[in-house]
Amino acid sequence: MLVAAGSFHELDAVSATSPAQIRNRAHLLNRKGAPVFAHDKLRRFGPVHAGEEIAEGNAITLLISDFGVISLAICKDFNDVAASGFAAIWKLLGLDVLLVPAMGNASSLSAHLRAAKDLWINSKALTLVANQEIPGEAVCPGFVGANTVTDGKSGGNLFVISLQDRYKSVT
């Protein structure tokens, strides 16, 4: 069992060669909660100084496992394929499973579904996107899993599960 526990803004340690930087990082954990590997977001949201203030990552890690080849992407790494050119990269990696923690609105979820369908059609990789809603916007948390093609124009499924009551305290 492996778990992608979402992504979080983390402060990298200061070293002699580089100052501290904030990264949007996702961790893949094993069944005991120990880190297997981490992925730093490759594409920040919005322009510098007007969007997500992070240092972008520069690598994609692949895990060869009993489940096949597994990797992580964070939100825009996966759904901004037209602007970033990452669509071709994901297709060439020989992935079996791509786990994508995300935070976005309905438009973002639609982009994830299109990208997941495309990856499935072109390389048969299972893409699982877990989307966190944006506070203050319409409720649209959900999960995208494109792993089935039912006809020439559709494929995959979009599962939307409301989490609005999840954090209510129980007394």
Protein backbone atom coordinates (compact mmCIF):
# COMPACT_ATOMS: atom_id res chain seq x y z
CA MET A 1 0.00 0.00 0.00
CA LEU A 2 1.18 3.48 -0.88
CA VAL A 3 -0.37 6.82 0.06
CA ALA A 4 -0.02 10.23 -1.57
CA ALA A 5 -0.87 12.52 1.32
CA GLY A 6 -1.63 15.66 -0.68
CA SER A 7 0.85 18.47 -1.21
CA PHE A 8 2.03 21.13 1.19
CA HIS A 9 4.17 24.23 1.09
CA GLU A 10 7.41 23.32 2.84
CA LEU A 11 10.50 25.32 3.63
CA ASP A 12 13.70 23.76 2.30
CA ALA A 13 16.64 23.90 4.63
CA VAL A 14 19.20 26.62 4.08
CA SER A 15 22.50 25.28 2.79
CA ALA A 16 25.88 26.82 2.18
CA THR A 17 25.08 27.04 -1.53
CA SER A 18 21.43 28.13 -1.54
CA PRO A 19 19.04 30.21 0.55
CA ALA A 20 15.87 28.73 2.04
CA GLN A 21 13.08 28.29 -0.50
CA ILE A 22 9.43 27.37 -0.21
CA ARG A 23 8.36 24.42 -2.34
CA ASN A 24 4.96 22.86 -2.96
CA ARG A 25 5.86 19.25 -2.18
CA ALA A 26 3.95 15.98 -2.28
CA HIS A 27 5.19 12.87 -0.47
CA LEU A 28 4.53 9.27 -1.39
CA LEU A 29 4.40 7.23 1.82
CA ASN A 30 4.61 3.50 2.42
CA ARG A 31 2.15 1.52 4.55
CA LYS A 32 3.99 2.53 7.74
CA GLY A 33 3.93 6.23 6.87
CA ALA A 34 7.60 6.42 5.97
CA PRO A 35 8.50 8.57 2.95
CA VAL A 36 9.22 6.69 -0.27
CA PHE A 37 9.94 9.80 -2.34
CA ALA A 38 8.85 13.41 -2.72
CA HIS A 39 7.87 15.49 -5.73
CA ASP A 40 8.33 19.26 -5.93
CA LYS A 41 5.73 21.07 -8.02
CA LEU A 42 7.14 21.91 -11.46
CA ARG A 43 4.70 24.67 -12.49
CA ARG A 44 3.61 27.36 -10.04
CA PHE A 45 0.10 28.75 -10.14
CA GLY A 46 0.01 32.30 -11.51
CA PRO A 47 2.84 34.67 -12.39
CA VAL A 48 5.78 35.33 -10.08
CA HIS A 49 4.80 37.72 -7.24
CA ALA A 50 1.10 37.46 -8.12
CA GLY A 51 0.42 33.77 -7.66
CA GLU A 52 1.88 30.85 -5.77
CA GLU A 53 5.18 31.97 -4.25
CA ILE A 54 7.25 28.79 -4.57
CA ALA A 55 10.51 27.64 -6.06
CA GLU A 56 9.70 25.26 -8.90
CA GLY A 57 10.99 21.71 -8.91
CA ASN A 58 13.16 20.32 -11.68
CA ALA A 59 12.74 16.55 -11.56
CA ILE A 60 10.20 13.76 -11.96
CA THR A 61 10.71 10.65 -9.81
CA LEU A 62 9.54 7.21 -10.89
CA LEU A 63 8.96 4.32 -8.52
CA ILE A 64 9.15 0.83 -9.97
CA SER A 65 6.83 -1.21 -7.75
CA ASP A 66 4.61 -4.28 -7.67
CA PHE A 67 1.85 -1.97 -8.95
CA GLY A 68 3.97 -0.89 -11.91
CA VAL A 69 5.65 2.46 -12.57
CA ILE A 70 4.26 5.15 -10.24
CA SER A 71 4.89 8.88 -10.17
CA LEU A 72 3.52 12.06 -8.61
CA ALA A 73 2.50 15.36 -10.20
CA ILE A 74 0.99 18.36 -8.43
CA CYS A 75 -2.02 20.09 -9.98
CA LYS A 76 -0.69 22.33 -12.75
CA ASP A 77 2.18 19.89 -13.47
CA PHE A 78 -0.52 17.69 -14.95
CA ASN A 79 -3.44 19.83 -16.10
CA ASP A 80 -1.54 22.69 -17.74
CA VAL A 81 -0.26 20.44 -20.49
CA ALA A 82 -0.81 22.78 -23.43
CA ALA A 83 1.25 25.62 -21.97
CA SER A 84 3.91 23.53 -20.26
CA GLY A 85 4.63 20.78 -22.76
CA PHE A 86 4.39 18.19 -19.99
CA ALA A 87 1.75 16.15 -21.86
CA ALA A 88 4.43 14.51 -23.96
CA ILE A 89 6.64 13.84 -20.95
CA TRP A 90 3.93 12.02 -18.98
CA LYS A 91 3.17 9.87 -22.06
CA LEU A 92 6.83 8.94 -22.59
CA LEU A 93 7.56 7.85 -19.01
CA GLY A 94 5.87 4.46 -19.28
CA LEU A 95 3.70 5.15 -16.25
CA ASP A 96 1.15 2.73 -14.90
CA VAL A 97 -0.13 5.06 -12.15
CA LEU A 98 0.07 8.84 -11.78
CA LEU A 99 -1.10 10.33 -8.46
CA VAL A 100 -2.03 14.03 -8.61
CA PRO A 101 -2.92 16.04 -5.51
CA ALA A 102 -4.58 19.28 -6.67
CA MET A 103 -6.43 22.37 -5.55
CA GLY A 104 -8.75 24.02 -8.01
CA ASN A 105 -12.18 24.97 -9.23
CA ALA A 106 -14.54 23.22 -11.66
CA SER A 107 -12.51 24.44 -14.64
CA SER A 108 -9.36 22.95 -13.13
CA LEU A 109 -11.13 19.64 -12.49
CA SER A 110 -12.27 19.56 -16.13
CA ALA A 111 -8.70 20.16 -17.28
CA HIS A 112 -7.52 17.30 -15.07
CA LEU A 113 -10.15 15.00 -16.53
CA ARG A 114 -9.15 15.88 -20.11
CA ALA A 115 -5.47 15.31 -19.32
CA ALA A 116 -6.25 12.01 -17.54
CA LYS A 117 -8.31 10.78 -20.50
CA ASP A 118 -5.52 11.72 -22.90
CA LEU A 119 -2.89 9.93 -20.81
CA TRP A 120 -5.10 6.84 -20.58
CA ILE A 121 -5.84 6.78 -24.31
CA ASN A 122 -2.20 7.28 -25.27
CA SER A 123 -0.36 5.20 -22.69
CA LYS A 124 -2.93 3.32 -20.57
CA ALA A 125 -1.70 5.02 -17.41
CA LEU A 126 -4.19 5.23 -14.55
CA THR A 127 -4.41 8.80 -13.27
CA LEU A 128 -5.89 9.55 -9.86
CA VAL A 129 -6.47 13.22 -9.06
CA ALA A 130 -7.60 14.25 -5.58
CA ASN A 131 -8.82 17.84 -5.72
CA GLN A 132 -9.19 20.11 -2.71
CA GLU A 133 -11.73 22.89 -3.09
CA ILE A 134 -10.62 26.50 -3.06
CA PRO A 135 -11.92 28.21 0.10
CA GLY A 136 -14.62 30.76 -0.69
CA GLU A 137 -15.44 29.35 -4.13
CA ALA A 138 -18.18 26.99 -5.22
CA VAL A 139 -17.81 23.56 -3.65
CA CYS A 140 -16.06 21.31 -6.14
CA PRO A 141 -13.79 18.86 -4.35
CA GLY A 142 -13.56 15.63 -6.21
CA PHE A 143 -11.57 12.78 -7.57
CA VAL A 144 -10.75 12.16 -11.22
CA GLY A 145 -9.90 8.66 -12.33
CA ALA A 146 -9.52 8.14 -16.07
CA ASN A 147 -9.08 4.43 -16.51
CA THR A 148 -11.92 3.36 -18.76
CA VAL A 149 -12.81 4.20 -22.32
CA THR A 150 -16.42 3.45 -23.11
CA ASP A 151 -16.62 4.88 -26.62
CA GLY A 152 -14.67 7.07 -29.03
CA LYS A 153 -15.48 10.35 -27.31
CA SER A 154 -15.66 9.62 -23.61
CA GLY A 155 -13.40 7.95 -21.13
CA GLY A 156 -12.77 8.08 -17.47
CA ASN A 157 -15.01 9.11 -14.67
CA LEU A 158 -15.34 12.21 -12.59
CA PHE A 159 -16.32 11.57 -8.99
CA VAL A 160 -17.29 14.62 -6.96
CA ILE A 161 -17.58 14.06 -3.25
CA SER A 162 -18.52 16.98 -1.05
CA LEU A 163 -16.28 17.36 1.96
CA GLN A 164 -17.96 20.45 3.40
CA ASP A 165 -19.14 18.67 6.55
CA ARG A 166 -15.90 16.79 7.08
CA TYR A 167 -14.30 19.27 9.46
CA LYS A 168 -17.29 19.95 11.74
CA SER A 169 -16.35 19.24 15.31
CA VAL A 170 -18.15 16.49 17.14
CA THR A 171 -19.14 17.30 20.71
